Amino acid sequence: MLDQAVDFVLSKLYYSVGTRTEKIEFPGKYEIPKEIVSEAILNAIAKEIIQIME
């Protein structure tokens, strides 16, 4: 479920693609790193669970 939420948010963000230099793959990055998006969603879920348990 977390992965689906992260994928949804990332699908709405700008993704820039660089040029190939040495590798076959194109380098690219999101405007907000995936790790930060993942952590933010996880924190929001944890906060909601804590509020429910109180």
C-alpha atoms as a PDB file:
ATOM      1  CA  MET A   1       0.000   0.000   0.000  1.00  0.00           C
ATOM      2  CA  LEU A   2       2.881   2.373   0.798  1.00  0.00           C
ATOM      3  CA  ASP A   3       4.467   1.571  -2.556  1.00  0.00           C
ATOM      4  CA  GLN A   4       1.240   2.409  -4.372  1.00  0.00           C
ATOM      5  CA  ALA A   5       0.976   5.746  -2.578  1.00  0.00           C
ATOM      6  CA  VAL A   6       4.598   6.602  -3.364  1.00  0.00           C
ATOM      7  CA  ASP A   7       4.153   5.627  -7.007  1.00  0.00           C
ATOM      8  CA  PHE A   8       1.035   7.798  -7.234  1.00  0.00           C
ATOM      9  CA  VAL A   9       2.797  10.855  -5.814  1.00  0.00           C
ATOM     10  CA  LEU A  10       5.854  10.312  -8.013  1.00  0.00           C
ATOM     11  CA  SER A  11       3.608  10.059 -11.079  1.00  0.00           C
ATOM     12  CA  LYS A  12       2.439  13.621 -10.369  1.00  0.00           C
ATOM     13  CA  LEU A  13       5.964  15.063  -9.980  1.00  0.00           C
ATOM     14  CA  TYR A  14       8.262  16.430 -12.655  1.00  0.00           C
ATOM     15  CA  TYR A  15      10.883  13.909 -13.812  1.00  0.00           C
ATOM     16  CA  SER A  16      13.961  15.214 -15.574  1.00  0.00           C
ATOM     17  CA  VAL A  17      15.990  13.013 -17.882  1.00  0.00           C
ATOM     18  CA  GLY A  18      19.681  13.614 -18.437  1.00  0.00           C
ATOM     19  CA  THR A  19      21.919  12.478 -21.263  1.00  0.00           C
ATOM     20  CA  ARG A  20      23.750   9.194 -21.559  1.00  0.00           C
ATOM     21  CA  THR A  21      27.493   9.359 -21.117  1.00  0.00           C
ATOM     22  CA  GLU A  22      28.823   5.929 -20.265  1.00  0.00           C
ATOM     23  CA  LYS A  23      25.798   3.778 -19.493  1.00  0.00           C
ATOM     24  CA  ILE A  24      23.004   2.485 -21.708  1.00  0.00           C
ATOM     25  CA  GLU A  25      20.318   3.862 -19.379  1.00  0.00           C
ATOM     26  CA  PHE A  26      19.248   7.496 -19.293  1.00  0.00           C
ATOM     27  CA  PRO A  27      19.893   9.109 -15.905  1.00  0.00           C
ATOM     28  CA  GLY A  28      16.862  10.768 -14.403  1.00  0.00           C
ATOM     29  CA  LYS A  29      15.564  12.232 -11.185  1.00  0.00           C
ATOM     30  CA  TYR A  30      12.330  13.442  -9.664  1.00  0.00           C
ATOM     31  CA  GLU A  31      11.939  17.014  -8.433  1.00  0.00           C
ATOM     32  CA  ILE A  32      11.549  15.518  -4.930  1.00  0.00           C
ATOM     33  CA  PRO A  33      13.654  12.398  -4.229  1.00  0.00           C
ATOM     34  CA  LYS A  34      11.725   9.143  -3.871  1.00  0.00           C
ATOM     35  CA  GLU A  35      13.157   8.561  -0.386  1.00  0.00           C
ATOM     36  CA  ILE A  36      11.722  11.856   0.877  1.00  0.00           C
ATOM     37  CA  VAL A  37       8.284  11.160  -0.600  1.00  0.00           C
ATOM     38  CA  SER A  38       8.313   7.697   0.946  1.00  0.00           C
ATOM     39  CA  GLU A  39       9.321   9.017   4.374  1.00  0.00           C
ATOM     40  CA  ALA A  40       6.649  11.739   4.307  1.00  0.00           C
ATOM     41  CA  ILE A  41       3.888   9.261   3.464  1.00  0.00           C
ATOM     42  CA  LEU A  42       5.106   6.811   6.093  1.00  0.00           C
ATOM     43  CA  ASN A  43       5.157   9.567   8.737  1.00  0.00           C
ATOM     44  CA  ALA A  44       1.613  10.612   7.806  1.00  0.00           C
ATOM     45  CA  ILE A  45       0.384   7.026   8.119  1.00  0.00           C
ATOM     46  CA  ALA A  46       2.150   6.548  11.455  1.00  0.00           C
ATOM     47  CA  LYS A  47       0.709   9.802  12.818  1.00  0.00           C
ATOM     48  CA  GLU A  48      -2.795   8.732  11.801  1.00  0.00           C
ATOM     49  CA  ILE A  49      -2.355   5.341  13.497  1.00  0.00           C
ATOM     50  CA  ILE A  50      -1.137   7.001  16.692  1.00  0.00           C
ATOM     51  CA  GLN A  51      -4.130   9.352  16.716  1.00  0.00           C
ATOM     52  CA  ILE A  52      -6.524   6.414  16.274  1.00  0.00           C
ATOM     53  CA  MET A  53      -4.897   4.537  19.149  1.00  0.00           C
ATOM     54  CA  GLU A  54      -5.138   7.466  21.586  1.00  0.00           C
END
